[in-house]
Protein backbone atom coordinates (compact mmCIF):
# COMPACT_ATOMS: atom_id res chain seq x y z
CA MET A 1 -74.28 -123.21 93.33
CA LYS A 2 -75.15 -126.75 94.42
CA VAL A 3 -72.82 -128.09 97.09
CA SER A 4 -72.91 -131.59 98.55
CA CYS A 5 -72.48 -132.34 102.22
CA THR A 6 -72.92 -135.22 104.60
CA LEU A 7 -75.07 -134.98 107.69
CA THR A 8 -74.43 -137.21 110.68
CA LYS A 9 -76.18 -137.51 114.02
CA LEU A 10 -73.48 -138.03 116.62
CA ASP A 11 -73.70 -140.27 119.68
CA ASN A 12 -73.88 -137.20 121.94
CA GLY A 13 -77.08 -136.05 120.19
CA ARG A 14 -75.44 -133.25 118.21
CA TRP A 15 -75.37 -133.10 114.40
CA GLN A 16 -72.30 -132.78 112.16
CA SER A 17 -72.34 -131.50 108.60
CA ARG A 18 -69.23 -131.90 106.44
CA HIS A 19 -68.29 -130.72 102.96
CA SER A 20 -65.08 -131.36 101.02
CA GLY A 21 -63.80 -131.54 97.51
CA SER A 22 -64.67 -128.20 95.94
CA PRO A 23 -62.86 -124.87 95.49
CA LEU A 24 -64.52 -123.81 98.75
CA GLY A 25 -62.34 -126.16 100.77
CA THR A 26 -63.22 -128.55 103.57
CA VAL A 27 -65.89 -127.36 106.01
CA GLU A 28 -67.10 -129.14 109.13
CA VAL A 29 -69.73 -127.65 111.42
CA PHE A 30 -71.81 -128.87 114.36
CA GLY A 31 -75.26 -128.01 115.63
CA SER A 32 -77.68 -129.04 118.34
CA SER A 33 -80.25 -129.90 115.65
CA ARG A 34 -80.24 -131.06 112.05
CA GLU A 35 -81.50 -127.65 110.91
CA GLU A 36 -78.85 -125.77 112.90
CA ALA A 37 -76.02 -127.85 111.40
CA LEU A 38 -77.33 -127.31 107.85
CA THR A 39 -77.83 -123.58 108.44
CA LYS A 40 -74.27 -123.23 109.75
CA MET A 41 -72.95 -125.14 106.72
CA ARG A 42 -74.93 -123.02 104.26
CA ASP A 43 -73.81 -119.80 105.98
CA GLU A 44 -70.13 -120.79 106.02
CA LEU A 45 -70.13 -121.82 102.37
CA GLN A 46 -71.97 -118.62 101.40
CA TYR A 47 -69.36 -116.61 103.33
CA ARG A 48 -66.57 -118.34 101.44
CA ILE A 49 -68.22 -117.59 98.10
CA GLU A 50 -68.84 -113.92 98.87
CA LEU A 51 -65.84 -112.86 100.93
CA CYS A 52 -62.95 -115.20 100.24
CA PRO A 53 -61.19 -114.45 96.94
CA CYS A 54 -59.15 -117.64 97.39
CA SER A 55 -62.23 -119.77 96.60
CA GLY A 56 -62.19 -118.80 92.93
CA VAL A 57 -66.01 -118.88 92.93
CA SER A 58 -68.13 -115.81 92.33
CA GLY A 59 -71.45 -114.60 93.76
CA ASP A 60 -73.59 -117.73 93.53
CA THR A 61 -76.15 -118.70 96.16
CA VAL A 62 -75.46 -121.94 98.03
CA VAL A 63 -77.95 -124.79 97.70
CA LEU A 64 -77.07 -127.79 99.88
CA GLU A 65 -77.45 -131.31 98.58
CA VAL A 66 -77.38 -133.67 101.55
CA THR A 67 -75.84 -136.83 100.11
CA GLN A 68 -75.87 -139.00 103.21
CA GLN A 69 -77.69 -138.92 106.50
CA LEU A 70 -76.45 -141.27 109.17
CA GLU A 71 -78.26 -141.82 112.45
CA SER A 72 -75.20 -142.38 114.59
CA ARG A 73 -71.46 -142.27 114.42
CA LEU A 74 -69.00 -144.50 116.23
């Protein structure tokens, strides 16, 4: 399952990844690196697919599509 997310480098040096607009709901995670934020996002979305019957989505594997990468956020 391909899922889009945005990735933003915050002013404090941390990274934010955000997903919204699918049956999986809105997800926002933070990490100390770009890779950590994307890993947390992938893991949370995978959890929602596998363990949350409310998502209405069945056993697919999450593939992230980063749609926007910003270098800073005000």
